[in-house]
Amino acid sequence: MAKKIGKAVAPKIIGFMNGFKEKNILVKRSYSIASSPAEEFIEICVKKKKAPSFSAALHELKTEDTLLIDGPFGRYILKEPLKENTIFIAAGAGIAPIRSMIKTLISKGLQHKIKLFYSFHFPEEYIYKTEFEEFASKEQKFELFASMSASEKEFPDWKGLRGRVTKHLPEHIQKDKEYTAYICGPPQMVTDTVKQLLDLGLENENIYKEAW
């Protein structure tokens, strides 16, 4: 679920001023920003977990609730000007910072073609589906590869790509070209994807990654 949190400088660490605690300790969590710098609000993408949890409390926020926002922190940022042959790779809620980068590039007008490879387990976990598919239909320089990793037995009616995101990379990466890659997702997914990209000929200094 995406939450809009008013106008502010982009944060990465968010703690509750209204006193959400775990074991009597005031809780802080890190979240990547899903909105672009051009927007007048900060949007974060938070997967809801069972209560009591920080993410569950976030999903229960009301308009007048108050948060303590600290930051921004981290070094996972878009490198501009954009290089040719840039690809974005995300899994699950790791789409948040990738979405921010893509929205930023599109708002400025794409100078080079970009590709987004995005995998999720179930169809309902396809975050920002409508937005990305709209980008793909309107932007000639934006290509979308969305893949569901659940089995065909579970979802026989799914018409899109299937399997983990790494399954679809080899057919779209040519060894005679220099690529820049941005990756975000679960730690093992990031590790596996980096290894695959190196095997496909990418240079380590051209791979930017964030694991959550």
N, C-alpha and C. Protein backbone atom coordinates (compact mmCIF):
# COMPACT_ATOMS: atom_id res chain seq x y z
N MET A 1 0.84 -1.19 0.00
CA MET A 1 0.00 0.00 0.00
C MET A 1 0.87 1.24 0.00
N ALA A 2 0.50 2.22 -0.77
CA ALA A 2 1.24 3.48 -0.81
C ALA A 2 0.59 4.48 0.11
N LYS A 3 1.41 5.23 0.84
CA LYS A 3 0.93 6.26 1.75
C LYS A 3 1.50 7.59 1.34
N LYS A 4 0.66 8.63 1.28
CA LYS A 4 1.13 9.98 1.03
C LYS A 4 1.21 10.71 2.36
N ILE A 5 2.36 11.35 2.61
CA ILE A 5 2.61 11.91 3.93
C ILE A 5 2.90 13.40 3.88
N GLY A 6 2.18 14.13 3.07
CA GLY A 6 2.31 15.58 3.11
C GLY A 6 3.59 16.12 2.53
N LYS A 7 3.81 17.43 2.67
CA LYS A 7 4.98 18.10 2.11
C LYS A 7 6.13 18.07 3.11
N ALA A 8 7.28 17.66 2.63
CA ALA A 8 8.46 17.62 3.51
C ALA A 8 9.68 17.27 2.69
N VAL A 9 10.86 17.40 3.28
CA VAL A 9 12.07 16.93 2.64
C VAL A 9 12.05 15.41 2.68
N ALA A 10 12.53 14.78 1.61
CA ALA A 10 12.44 13.33 1.49
C ALA A 10 13.11 12.61 2.65
N PRO A 11 12.36 11.77 3.40
CA PRO A 11 12.95 11.03 4.51
C PRO A 11 13.29 9.61 4.12
N LYS A 12 14.11 8.98 4.89
CA LYS A 12 14.24 7.54 4.78
C LYS A 12 13.96 6.85 6.11
N ILE A 13 14.14 7.55 7.21
CA ILE A 13 13.85 6.96 8.51
C ILE A 13 12.58 7.61 9.06
N ILE A 14 11.65 6.78 9.48
CA ILE A 14 10.39 7.31 10.01
C ILE A 14 10.13 6.69 11.37
N GLY A 15 9.88 7.52 12.36
CA GLY A 15 9.57 7.02 13.70
C GLY A 15 8.30 7.69 14.18
N PHE A 16 7.54 7.01 15.00
CA PHE A 16 6.28 7.56 15.46
C PHE A 16 6.48 8.53 16.62
N MET A 17 5.91 9.74 16.48
CA MET A 17 5.86 10.66 17.61
C MET A 17 4.72 10.27 18.55
N ASN A 18 3.73 9.54 18.00
CA ASN A 18 2.60 9.18 18.84
C ASN A 18 2.87 7.92 19.66
N GLY A 19 4.13 7.46 19.65
CA GLY A 19 4.55 6.49 20.65
C GLY A 19 4.41 5.03 20.31
N PHE A 20 4.44 4.63 19.05
CA PHE A 20 4.43 3.21 18.74
C PHE A 20 5.73 2.59 19.25
N LYS A 21 5.62 1.55 20.08
CA LYS A 21 6.80 0.97 20.70
C LYS A 21 6.81 -0.54 20.56
N GLU A 22 8.01 -1.11 20.55
CA GLU A 22 8.21 -2.54 20.64
C GLU A 22 9.14 -2.78 21.82
N LYS A 23 8.70 -3.59 22.78
CA LYS A 23 9.46 -3.85 24.00
C LYS A 23 9.85 -2.54 24.69
N ASN A 24 8.90 -1.60 24.70
CA ASN A 24 9.04 -0.32 25.39
C ASN A 24 10.08 0.60 24.77
N ILE A 25 10.47 0.33 23.54
CA ILE A 25 11.45 1.17 22.84
C ILE A 25 10.75 1.83 21.66
N LEU A 26 10.91 3.13 21.52
CA LEU A 26 10.32 3.84 20.40
C LEU A 26 10.92 3.32 19.10
N VAL A 27 10.07 2.99 18.15
CA VAL A 27 10.49 2.29 16.94
C VAL A 27 10.82 3.27 15.81
N LYS A 28 11.86 2.93 15.05
CA LYS A 28 12.16 3.61 13.80
C LYS A 28 12.32 2.56 12.71
N ARG A 29 11.91 2.92 11.52
CA ARG A 29 12.07 2.03 10.37
C ARG A 29 12.53 2.85 9.17
N SER A 30 13.24 2.20 8.26
CA SER A 30 13.69 2.85 7.03
C SER A 30 12.76 2.48 5.88
N TYR A 31 12.36 3.49 5.11
CA TYR A 31 11.54 3.24 3.93
C TYR A 31 12.07 4.06 2.77
N SER A 32 12.14 3.46 1.61
CA SER A 32 12.54 4.19 0.42
C SER A 32 11.40 5.06 -0.06
N ILE A 33 11.75 6.13 -0.73
CA ILE A 33 10.75 7.07 -1.23
C ILE A 33 10.28 6.60 -2.60
N ALA A 34 8.96 6.53 -2.79
CA ALA A 34 8.40 6.07 -4.06
C ALA A 34 7.97 7.21 -4.97
N SER A 35 7.84 8.40 -4.43
CA SER A 35 7.46 9.56 -5.24
C SER A 35 8.70 10.19 -5.85
N SER A 36 8.49 11.08 -6.83
CA SER A 36 9.63 11.76 -7.45
C SER A 36 9.85 13.11 -6.78
N PRO A 37 11.05 13.69 -6.90
CA PRO A 37 11.32 15.00 -6.31
C PRO A 37 10.42 16.11 -6.85
N ALA A 38 9.82 15.89 -8.02
CA ALA A 38 8.96 16.91 -8.63
C ALA A 38 7.60 16.99 -7.96
N GLU A 39 7.24 15.98 -7.17
CA GLU A 39 5.93 15.96 -6.52
C GLU A 39 5.97 16.67 -5.17
N GLU A 40 4.85 17.23 -4.78
CA GLU A 40 4.78 18.04 -3.56
C GLU A 40 4.39 17.23 -2.34
N PHE A 41 4.68 15.96 -2.37
CA PHE A 41 4.41 15.11 -1.22
C PHE A 41 5.43 13.99 -1.23
N ILE A 42 5.53 13.28 -0.13
CA ILE A 42 6.41 12.12 -0.02
C ILE A 42 5.54 10.88 0.02
N GLU A 43 5.83 9.94 -0.84
CA GLU A 43 5.07 8.69 -0.88
C GLU A 43 6.00 7.53 -0.57
N ILE A 44 5.57 6.68 0.34
CA ILE A 44 6.32 5.47 0.65
C ILE A 44 5.45 4.26 0.36
N CYS A 45 6.07 3.16 0.13
CA CYS A 45 5.35 1.93 -0.23
C CYS A 45 5.64 0.90 0.87
N VAL A 46 4.61 0.54 1.62
CA VAL A 46 4.80 -0.30 2.80
C VAL A 46 3.94 -1.55 2.71
N LYS A 47 4.57 -2.71 2.77
CA LYS A 47 3.82 -3.96 2.80
C LYS A 47 3.26 -4.17 4.20
N LYS A 48 1.96 -4.35 4.29
CA LYS A 48 1.31 -4.48 5.59
C LYS A 48 1.53 -5.86 6.19
N LYS A 49 2.01 -5.87 7.43
CA LYS A 49 2.19 -7.11 8.16
C LYS A 49 1.17 -7.18 9.29
N LYS A 50 1.06 -8.33 9.90
CA LYS A 50 0.08 -8.51 10.96
C LYS A 50 0.42 -7.63 12.17
N ALA A 51 -0.61 -7.11 12.81
CA ALA A 51 -0.43 -6.34 14.04
C ALA A 51 -0.11 -7.28 15.20
N PRO A 52 0.63 -6.81 16.21
CA PRO A 52 1.22 -5.48 16.28
C PRO A 52 2.53 -5.41 15.50
N SER A 53 2.63 -4.45 14.64
CA SER A 53 3.85 -4.23 13.88
C SER A 53 3.90 -2.79 13.43
N PHE A 54 5.07 -2.33 13.07
CA PHE A 54 5.23 -0.94 12.63
C PHE A 54 4.45 -0.70 11.35
N SER A 55 4.54 -1.65 10.41
CA SER A 55 3.85 -1.46 9.13
C SER A 55 2.33 -1.46 9.31
N ALA A 56 1.83 -2.30 10.21
CA ALA A 56 0.39 -2.31 10.47
C ALA A 56 -0.06 -0.98 11.05
N ALA A 57 0.75 -0.42 11.96
CA ALA A 57 0.43 0.88 12.55
C ALA A 57 0.45 1.98 11.49
N LEU A 58 1.39 1.91 10.55
CA LEU A 58 1.44 2.88 9.46
C LEU A 58 0.15 2.86 8.64
N HIS A 59 -0.34 1.66 8.40
CA HIS A 59 -1.55 1.53 7.58
C HIS A 59 -2.79 2.05 8.30
N GLU A 60 -2.69 2.22 9.60
CA GLU A 60 -3.84 2.73 10.36
C GLU A 60 -3.77 4.24 10.58
N LEU A 61 -2.77 4.91 10.01
CA LEU A 61 -2.62 6.35 10.21
C LEU A 61 -3.83 7.12 9.67
N LYS A 62 -4.20 8.17 10.40
CA LYS A 62 -5.25 9.07 9.96
C LYS A 62 -4.62 10.38 9.49
N THR A 63 -5.38 11.20 8.81
CA THR A 63 -4.88 12.42 8.20
C THR A 63 -4.18 13.32 9.20
N GLU A 64 -4.69 13.44 10.41
CA GLU A 64 -4.13 14.38 11.39
C GLU A 64 -3.06 13.75 12.28
N ASP A 65 -2.73 12.49 12.08
CA ASP A 65 -1.69 11.86 12.89
C ASP A 65 -0.33 12.48 12.58
N THR A 66 0.56 12.42 13.55
CA THR A 66 1.87 13.06 13.43
C THR A 66 2.98 12.03 13.43
N LEU A 67 3.96 12.24 12.56
CA LEU A 67 5.14 11.39 12.49
C LEU A 67 6.39 12.22 12.71
N LEU A 68 7.39 11.60 13.29
CA LEU A 68 8.72 12.18 13.33
C LEU A 68 9.48 11.63 12.12
N ILE A 69 9.90 12.53 11.24
CA ILE A 69 10.58 12.12 10.02
C ILE A 69 12.03 12.59 10.06
N ASP A 70 12.95 11.68 9.88
CA ASP A 70 14.37 11.98 9.95
C ASP A 70 15.02 11.60 8.62
N GLY A 71 16.07 12.31 8.26
CA GLY A 71 16.75 11.93 7.03
C GLY A 71 16.78 13.08 6.03
N PRO A 72 17.05 12.83 4.78
CA PRO A 72 17.17 11.50 4.16
C PRO A 72 18.51 10.83 4.44
N PHE A 73 18.52 9.51 4.32
CA PHE A 73 19.73 8.72 4.48
C PHE A 73 19.91 7.81 3.26
N GLY A 74 21.01 7.13 3.20
CA GLY A 74 21.24 6.18 2.11
C GLY A 74 21.92 6.81 0.91
N ARG A 75 22.45 5.95 0.07
CA ARG A 75 23.18 6.39 -1.13
C ARG A 75 22.62 5.79 -2.41
N TYR A 76 21.48 5.18 -2.31
CA TYR A 76 20.88 4.56 -3.49
C TYR A 76 20.09 5.62 -4.24
N ILE A 77 20.76 6.31 -5.14
CA ILE A 77 20.15 7.42 -5.86
C ILE A 77 20.41 7.28 -7.36
N LEU A 78 19.58 7.96 -8.13
CA LEU A 78 19.72 7.94 -9.58
C LEU A 78 20.93 8.77 -10.01
N LYS A 79 21.75 8.19 -10.86
CA LYS A 79 22.92 8.88 -11.38
C LYS A 79 22.55 9.56 -12.70
N GLU A 80 22.66 10.85 -12.72
CA GLU A 80 22.35 11.61 -13.93
C GLU A 80 23.57 12.38 -14.41
N PRO A 81 23.69 12.61 -15.72
CA PRO A 81 22.73 12.27 -16.78
C PRO A 81 22.63 10.76 -17.01
N LEU A 82 21.48 10.35 -17.47
CA LEU A 82 21.22 8.94 -17.70
C LEU A 82 22.09 8.40 -18.83
N LYS A 83 22.65 7.22 -18.61
CA LYS A 83 23.45 6.57 -19.64
C LYS A 83 22.56 5.72 -20.54
N GLU A 84 23.05 5.46 -21.73
CA GLU A 84 22.34 4.54 -22.62
C GLU A 84 22.31 3.14 -21.99
N ASN A 85 21.32 2.35 -22.39
CA ASN A 85 21.20 0.95 -21.94
C ASN A 85 21.10 0.84 -20.42
N THR A 86 20.20 1.63 -19.84
CA THR A 86 19.95 1.55 -18.40
C THR A 86 18.76 0.65 -18.14
N ILE A 87 18.93 -0.28 -17.19
CA ILE A 87 17.85 -1.19 -16.84
C ILE A 87 17.56 -1.07 -15.34
N PHE A 88 16.29 -1.27 -14.99
CA PHE A 88 15.85 -1.23 -13.60
C PHE A 88 15.26 -2.60 -13.27
N ILE A 89 15.66 -3.15 -12.12
CA ILE A 89 15.25 -4.51 -11.75
C ILE A 89 14.74 -4.48 -10.31
N ALA A 90 13.51 -4.93 -10.11
CA ALA A 90 12.92 -4.87 -8.77
C ALA A 90 12.09 -6.12 -8.49
N ALA A 91 11.95 -6.42 -7.20
CA ALA A 91 11.07 -7.50 -6.76
C ALA A 91 10.27 -7.00 -5.57
N GLY A 92 8.98 -7.31 -5.56
CA GLY A 92 8.12 -6.95 -4.44
C GLY A 92 8.11 -5.45 -4.17
N ALA A 93 8.17 -5.11 -2.87
CA ALA A 93 8.15 -3.70 -2.47
C ALA A 93 9.43 -2.98 -2.83
N GLY A 94 10.42 -3.71 -3.34
CA GLY A 94 11.64 -3.08 -3.82
C GLY A 94 11.40 -2.18 -5.02
N ILE A 95 10.17 -2.17 -5.51
CA ILE A 95 9.82 -1.30 -6.63
C ILE A 95 9.79 0.18 -6.20
N ALA A 96 9.70 0.46 -4.90
CA ALA A 96 9.51 1.84 -4.42
C ALA A 96 10.56 2.82 -4.94
N PRO A 97 11.86 2.63 -4.66
CA PRO A 97 12.84 3.60 -5.15
C PRO A 97 12.99 3.57 -6.67
N ILE A 98 12.77 2.40 -7.27
CA ILE A 98 12.83 2.27 -8.73
C ILE A 98 11.73 3.13 -9.36
N ARG A 99 10.55 3.07 -8.79
CA ARG A 99 9.44 3.88 -9.29
C ARG A 99 9.76 5.36 -9.20
N SER A 100 10.39 5.77 -8.11
CA SER A 100 10.79 7.18 -7.96
C SER A 100 11.74 7.59 -9.07
N MET A 101 12.71 6.74 -9.36
CA MET A 101 13.69 7.05 -10.41
C MET A 101 13.03 7.14 -11.78
N ILE A 102 12.16 6.17 -12.07
CA ILE A 102 11.51 6.15 -13.38
C ILE A 102 10.58 7.35 -13.56
N LYS A 103 9.83 7.69 -12.51
CA LYS A 103 8.95 8.86 -12.59
C LYS A 103 9.76 10.14 -12.81
N THR A 104 10.92 10.21 -12.16
CA THR A 104 11.79 11.37 -12.33
C THR A 104 12.25 11.50 -13.77
N LEU A 105 12.70 10.39 -14.33
CA LEU A 105 13.20 10.40 -15.71
C LEU A 105 12.09 10.74 -16.71
N ILE A 106 10.91 10.16 -16.51
CA ILE A 106 9.81 10.42 -17.44
C ILE A 106 9.34 11.87 -17.34
N SER A 107 9.34 12.43 -16.13
CA SER A 107 8.91 13.82 -15.96
C SER A 107 9.85 14.79 -16.68
N LYS A 108 11.10 14.39 -16.86
CA LYS A 108 12.08 15.24 -17.54
C LYS A 108 12.14 14.97 -19.04
N GLY A 109 11.50 13.90 -19.46
CA GLY A 109 11.57 13.50 -20.86
C GLY A 109 12.70 12.52 -21.06
N LEU A 110 12.38 11.30 -21.43
CA LEU A 110 13.40 10.26 -21.57
C LEU A 110 14.33 10.55 -22.74
N GLN A 111 15.61 10.58 -22.45
CA GLN A 111 16.62 10.80 -23.49
C GLN A 111 17.11 9.49 -24.08
N HIS A 112 17.03 8.43 -23.30
CA HIS A 112 17.45 7.10 -23.76
C HIS A 112 16.38 6.08 -23.38
N LYS A 113 16.40 4.97 -24.05
CA LYS A 113 15.47 3.90 -23.76
C LYS A 113 15.82 3.26 -22.42
N ILE A 114 14.80 2.97 -21.60
CA ILE A 114 15.01 2.28 -20.33
C ILE A 114 14.09 1.07 -20.27
N LYS A 115 14.52 0.07 -19.49
CA LYS A 115 13.73 -1.14 -19.33
C LYS A 115 13.50 -1.38 -17.83
N LEU A 116 12.28 -1.79 -17.47
CA LEU A 116 11.96 -2.17 -16.10
C LEU A 116 11.61 -3.65 -16.08
N PHE A 117 12.35 -4.42 -15.26
CA PHE A 117 12.06 -5.82 -15.00
C PHE A 117 11.54 -5.91 -13.56
N TYR A 118 10.29 -6.33 -13.42
CA TYR A 118 9.66 -6.31 -12.09
C TYR A 118 8.96 -7.63 -11.83
N SER A 119 9.33 -8.30 -10.73
CA SER A 119 8.68 -9.56 -10.39
C SER A 119 7.97 -9.45 -9.05
N PHE A 120 6.92 -10.23 -8.91
CA PHE A 120 6.08 -10.25 -7.71
C PHE A 120 5.51 -11.66 -7.62
N HIS A 121 5.08 -12.05 -6.44
CA HIS A 121 4.64 -13.44 -6.28
C HIS A 121 3.23 -13.66 -6.80
N PHE A 122 2.28 -12.82 -6.36
CA PHE A 122 0.88 -12.96 -6.76
C PHE A 122 0.44 -11.76 -7.59
N PRO A 123 -0.57 -11.91 -8.44
CA PRO A 123 -1.05 -10.78 -9.25
C PRO A 123 -1.44 -9.56 -8.42
N GLU A 124 -2.03 -9.77 -7.24
CA GLU A 124 -2.45 -8.63 -6.41
C GLU A 124 -1.26 -7.89 -5.80
N GLU A 125 -0.06 -8.46 -5.93
CA GLU A 125 1.14 -7.81 -5.42
C GLU A 125 1.87 -7.03 -6.52
N TYR A 126 1.24 -6.88 -7.65
CA TYR A 126 1.78 -6.09 -8.76
C TYR A 126 1.56 -4.61 -8.43
N ILE A 127 2.48 -4.03 -7.69
CA ILE A 127 2.34 -2.66 -7.20
C ILE A 127 2.53 -1.67 -8.34
N TYR A 128 1.70 -0.64 -8.37
CA TYR A 128 1.74 0.41 -9.40
C TYR A 128 1.47 -0.15 -10.80
N LYS A 129 0.71 -1.22 -10.88
CA LYS A 129 0.42 -1.88 -12.16
C LYS A 129 -0.15 -0.90 -13.19
N THR A 130 -1.21 -0.19 -12.82
CA THR A 130 -1.87 0.72 -13.77
C THR A 130 -0.90 1.79 -14.25
N GLU A 131 -0.13 2.34 -13.33
CA GLU A 131 0.81 3.40 -13.68
C GLU A 131 1.89 2.92 -14.64
N PHE A 132 2.51 1.79 -14.33
CA PHE A 132 3.59 1.29 -15.19
C PHE A 132 3.06 0.90 -16.57
N GLU A 133 1.90 0.30 -16.61
CA GLU A 133 1.34 -0.09 -17.90
C GLU A 133 0.95 1.13 -18.72
N GLU A 134 0.55 2.20 -18.04
CA GLU A 134 0.26 3.45 -18.75
C GLU A 134 1.55 4.05 -19.30
N PHE A 135 2.61 4.03 -18.50
CA PHE A 135 3.91 4.50 -18.99
C PHE A 135 4.32 3.71 -20.23
N ALA A 136 4.16 2.39 -20.16
CA ALA A 136 4.59 1.53 -21.27
C ALA A 136 3.80 1.81 -22.55
N SER A 137 2.54 2.19 -22.40
CA SER A 137 1.70 2.44 -23.58
C SER A 137 1.95 3.82 -24.17
N LYS A 138 2.40 4.77 -23.35
CA LYS A 138 2.55 6.15 -23.81
C LYS A 138 4.00 6.52 -24.12
N GLU A 139 4.95 5.89 -23.44
CA GLU A 139 6.35 6.26 -23.59
C GLU A 139 7.07 5.26 -24.49
N GLN A 140 7.47 5.70 -25.65
CA GLN A 140 8.15 4.80 -26.59
C GLN A 140 9.50 4.32 -26.07
N LYS A 141 10.10 5.07 -25.17
CA LYS A 141 11.43 4.72 -24.67
C LYS A 141 11.39 3.99 -23.33
N PHE A 142 10.19 3.53 -22.94
CA PHE A 142 10.05 2.77 -21.70
C PHE A 142 9.49 1.40 -22.01
N GLU A 143 10.24 0.36 -21.62
CA GLU A 143 9.79 -1.02 -21.80
C GLU A 143 9.56 -1.67 -20.45
N LEU A 144 8.46 -2.39 -20.35
CA LEU A 144 8.06 -3.02 -19.10
C LEU A 144 8.03 -4.53 -19.25
N PHE A 145 8.68 -5.23 -18.29
CA PHE A 145 8.65 -6.68 -18.23
C PHE A 145 8.20 -7.06 -16.82
N ALA A 146 6.92 -7.37 -16.66
CA ALA A 146 6.35 -7.70 -15.36
C ALA A 146 6.11 -9.20 -15.29
N SER A 147 6.65 -9.84 -14.25
CA SER A 147 6.61 -11.30 -14.18
C SER A 147 6.09 -11.78 -12.83
N MET A 148 5.17 -12.72 -12.85
CA MET A 148 4.62 -13.32 -11.63
C MET A 148 5.35 -14.62 -11.34
N SER A 149 5.77 -14.79 -10.08
CA SER A 149 6.56 -15.98 -9.74
C SER A 149 5.73 -17.14 -9.20
N ALA A 150 4.44 -16.92 -8.89
CA ALA A 150 3.59 -18.02 -8.43
C ALA A 150 3.42 -19.04 -9.55
N SER A 151 3.11 -20.25 -9.19
CA SER A 151 3.04 -21.34 -10.17
C SER A 151 1.82 -21.20 -11.09
N GLU A 152 1.93 -21.82 -12.23
CA GLU A 152 0.82 -21.81 -13.19
C GLU A 152 -0.39 -22.53 -12.61
N LYS A 153 -0.14 -23.52 -11.75
CA LYS A 153 -1.23 -24.24 -11.11
C LYS A 153 -2.04 -23.31 -10.21
N GLU A 154 -1.34 -22.38 -9.53
CA GLU A 154 -2.03 -21.44 -8.63
C GLU A 154 -2.83 -20.40 -9.40
N PHE A 155 -2.25 -19.91 -10.51
CA PHE A 155 -2.90 -18.86 -11.28
C PHE A 155 -2.84 -19.20 -12.78
N PRO A 156 -3.69 -20.12 -13.22
CA PRO A 156 -3.65 -20.55 -14.63
C PRO A 156 -4.08 -19.45 -15.61
N ASP A 157 -4.81 -18.45 -15.13
CA ASP A 157 -5.33 -17.42 -16.03
C ASP A 157 -4.37 -16.24 -16.23
N TRP A 158 -3.24 -16.26 -15.54
CA TRP A 158 -2.28 -15.15 -15.70
C TRP A 158 -1.71 -15.16 -17.12
N LYS A 159 -1.82 -14.04 -17.82
CA LYS A 159 -1.40 -13.95 -19.22
C LYS A 159 -0.01 -13.35 -19.42
N GLY A 160 0.57 -12.80 -18.34
CA GLY A 160 1.86 -12.13 -18.47
C GLY A 160 3.04 -13.08 -18.34
N LEU A 161 4.22 -12.51 -18.15
CA LEU A 161 5.44 -13.30 -17.96
C LEU A 161 5.37 -14.07 -16.65
N ARG A 162 6.09 -15.17 -16.58
CA ARG A 162 6.12 -15.99 -15.37
C ARG A 162 7.56 -16.22 -14.93
N GLY A 163 7.72 -16.44 -13.63
CA GLY A 163 9.02 -16.75 -13.09
C GLY A 163 9.69 -15.56 -12.43
N ARG A 164 10.82 -15.83 -11.80
CA ARG A 164 11.58 -14.76 -11.16
C ARG A 164 12.14 -13.82 -12.20
N VAL A 165 12.44 -12.61 -11.76
CA VAL A 165 12.88 -11.58 -12.70
C VAL A 165 14.16 -11.99 -13.42
N THR A 166 15.03 -12.74 -12.76
CA THR A 166 16.30 -13.14 -13.36
C THR A 166 16.11 -14.06 -14.57
N LYS A 167 14.97 -14.70 -14.64
CA LYS A 167 14.70 -15.61 -15.76
C LYS A 167 14.68 -14.86 -17.09
N HIS A 168 14.29 -13.59 -17.06
CA HIS A 168 14.05 -12.86 -18.30
C HIS A 168 15.19 -11.92 -18.70
N LEU A 169 16.23 -11.84 -17.88
CA LEU A 169 17.31 -10.92 -18.18
C LEU A 169 18.19 -11.34 -19.37
N PRO A 170 18.60 -12.62 -19.46
CA PRO A 170 19.55 -12.99 -20.52
C PRO A 170 19.12 -12.63 -21.94
N GLU A 171 17.82 -12.74 -22.24
CA GLU A 171 17.37 -12.46 -23.61
C GLU A 171 17.34 -10.97 -23.93
N HIS A 172 17.53 -10.12 -22.93
CA HIS A 172 17.46 -8.67 -23.16
C HIS A 172 18.79 -7.96 -22.91
N ILE A 173 19.82 -8.71 -22.58
CA ILE A 173 21.14 -8.11 -22.34
C ILE A 173 22.12 -8.66 -23.36
N GLN A 174 22.69 -7.78 -24.15
CA GLN A 174 23.65 -8.18 -25.19
C GLN A 174 25.07 -7.97 -24.67
N LYS A 175 25.92 -8.95 -24.86
CA LYS A 175 27.26 -8.90 -24.28
C LYS A 175 28.17 -7.86 -24.93
N ASP A 176 27.79 -7.35 -26.07
CA ASP A 176 28.64 -6.36 -26.73
C ASP A 176 28.24 -4.93 -26.37
N LYS A 177 27.33 -4.78 -25.41
CA LYS A 177 26.89 -3.45 -24.99
C LYS A 177 27.23 -3.20 -23.53
N GLU A 178 27.38 -1.92 -23.19
CA GLU A 178 27.63 -1.54 -21.80
C GLU A 178 26.31 -1.13 -21.17
N TYR A 179 25.98 -1.76 -20.05
CA TYR A 179 24.72 -1.49 -19.37
C TYR A 179 24.96 -0.87 -17.99
N THR A 180 23.96 -0.10 -17.55
CA THR A 180 23.89 0.36 -16.17
C THR A 180 22.64 -0.24 -15.55
N ALA A 181 22.76 -0.82 -14.35
CA ALA A 181 21.62 -1.49 -13.74
C ALA A 181 21.36 -0.96 -12.33
N TYR A 182 20.09 -0.78 -12.03
CA TYR A 182 19.64 -0.43 -10.68
C TYR A 182 18.76 -1.58 -10.19
N ILE A 183 19.11 -2.12 -9.02
CA ILE A 183 18.41 -3.29 -8.47
C ILE A 183 17.90 -2.98 -7.08
N CYS A 184 16.68 -3.43 -6.76
CA CYS A 184 16.17 -3.32 -5.39
C CYS A 184 15.20 -4.46 -5.13
N GLY A 185 15.36 -5.08 -3.96
CA GLY A 185 14.48 -6.18 -3.59
C GLY A 185 15.03 -6.91 -2.37
N PRO A 186 14.51 -8.11 -2.08
CA PRO A 186 15.01 -8.90 -0.96
C PRO A 186 16.50 -9.22 -1.14
N PRO A 187 17.23 -9.40 -0.04
CA PRO A 187 18.69 -9.62 -0.11
C PRO A 187 19.11 -10.73 -1.06
N GLN A 188 18.45 -11.89 -1.00
CA GLN A 188 18.87 -13.00 -1.86
C GLN A 188 18.62 -12.69 -3.33
N MET A 189 17.50 -12.02 -3.61
CA MET A 189 17.20 -11.63 -4.99
C MET A 189 18.27 -10.69 -5.52
N VAL A 190 18.68 -9.72 -4.70
CA VAL A 190 19.70 -8.76 -5.11
C VAL A 190 21.03 -9.48 -5.36
N THR A 191 21.41 -10.36 -4.46
CA THR A 191 22.66 -11.12 -4.61
C THR A 191 22.65 -11.95 -5.89
N ASP A 192 21.55 -12.68 -6.13
CA ASP A 192 21.45 -13.53 -7.32
C ASP A 192 21.47 -12.69 -8.60
N THR A 193 20.81 -11.54 -8.56
CA THR A 193 20.73 -10.71 -9.76
C THR A 193 22.08 -10.08 -10.09
N VAL A 194 22.79 -9.63 -9.06
CA VAL A 194 24.13 -9.07 -9.29
C VAL A 194 25.04 -10.12 -9.91
N LYS A 195 25.01 -11.33 -9.37
CA LYS A 195 25.85 -12.41 -9.91
C LYS A 195 25.51 -12.67 -11.37
N GLN A 196 24.21 -12.71 -11.68
CA GLN A 196 23.81 -12.97 -13.05
C GLN A 196 24.25 -11.85 -13.99
N LEU A 197 24.12 -10.61 -13.55
CA LEU A 197 24.53 -9.48 -14.39
C LEU A 197 26.03 -9.50 -14.64
N LEU A 198 26.81 -9.85 -13.63
CA LEU A 198 28.26 -9.95 -13.81
C LEU A 198 28.59 -11.06 -14.81
N ASP A 199 27.86 -12.18 -14.70
CA ASP A 199 28.07 -13.28 -15.64
C ASP A 199 27.69 -12.89 -17.07
N LEU A 200 26.75 -11.95 -17.19
CA LEU A 200 26.31 -11.49 -18.51
C LEU A 200 27.20 -10.38 -19.07
N GLY A 201 28.21 -10.00 -18.29
CA GLY A 201 29.18 -9.05 -18.82
C GLY A 201 29.11 -7.64 -18.28
N LEU A 202 28.20 -7.35 -17.35
CA LEU A 202 28.15 -6.00 -16.79
C LEU A 202 29.35 -5.76 -15.88
N GLU A 203 29.80 -4.51 -15.82
CA GLU A 203 30.87 -4.13 -14.92
C GLU A 203 30.29 -3.84 -13.54
N ASN A 204 31.01 -4.26 -12.50
CA ASN A 204 30.52 -4.09 -11.14
C ASN A 204 30.23 -2.63 -10.80
N GLU A 205 31.04 -1.70 -11.33
CA GLU A 205 30.85 -0.28 -11.01
C GLU A 205 29.61 0.29 -11.69
N ASN A 206 29.01 -0.45 -12.59
CA ASN A 206 27.79 0.01 -13.25
C ASN A 206 26.53 -0.63 -12.68
N ILE A 207 26.68 -1.30 -11.54
CA ILE A 207 25.54 -1.95 -10.89
C ILE A 207 25.29 -1.25 -9.55
N TYR A 208 24.10 -0.69 -9.39
CA TYR A 208 23.71 0.00 -8.15
C TYR A 208 22.62 -0.83 -7.51
N LYS A 209 22.76 -1.10 -6.21
CA LYS A 209 21.81 -2.05 -5.58
C LYS A 209 21.40 -1.58 -4.19
N GLU A 210 20.21 -2.05 -3.81
CA GLU A 210 19.67 -1.79 -2.48
C GLU A 210 18.87 -3.01 -2.07
N ALA A 211 19.20 -3.60 -0.93
CA ALA A 211 18.45 -4.76 -0.40
C ALA A 211 17.68 -4.31 0.84
N TRP A 212 16.50 -4.88 1.03
CA TRP A 212 15.71 -4.49 2.20
C TRP A 212 15.35 -5.72 3.04
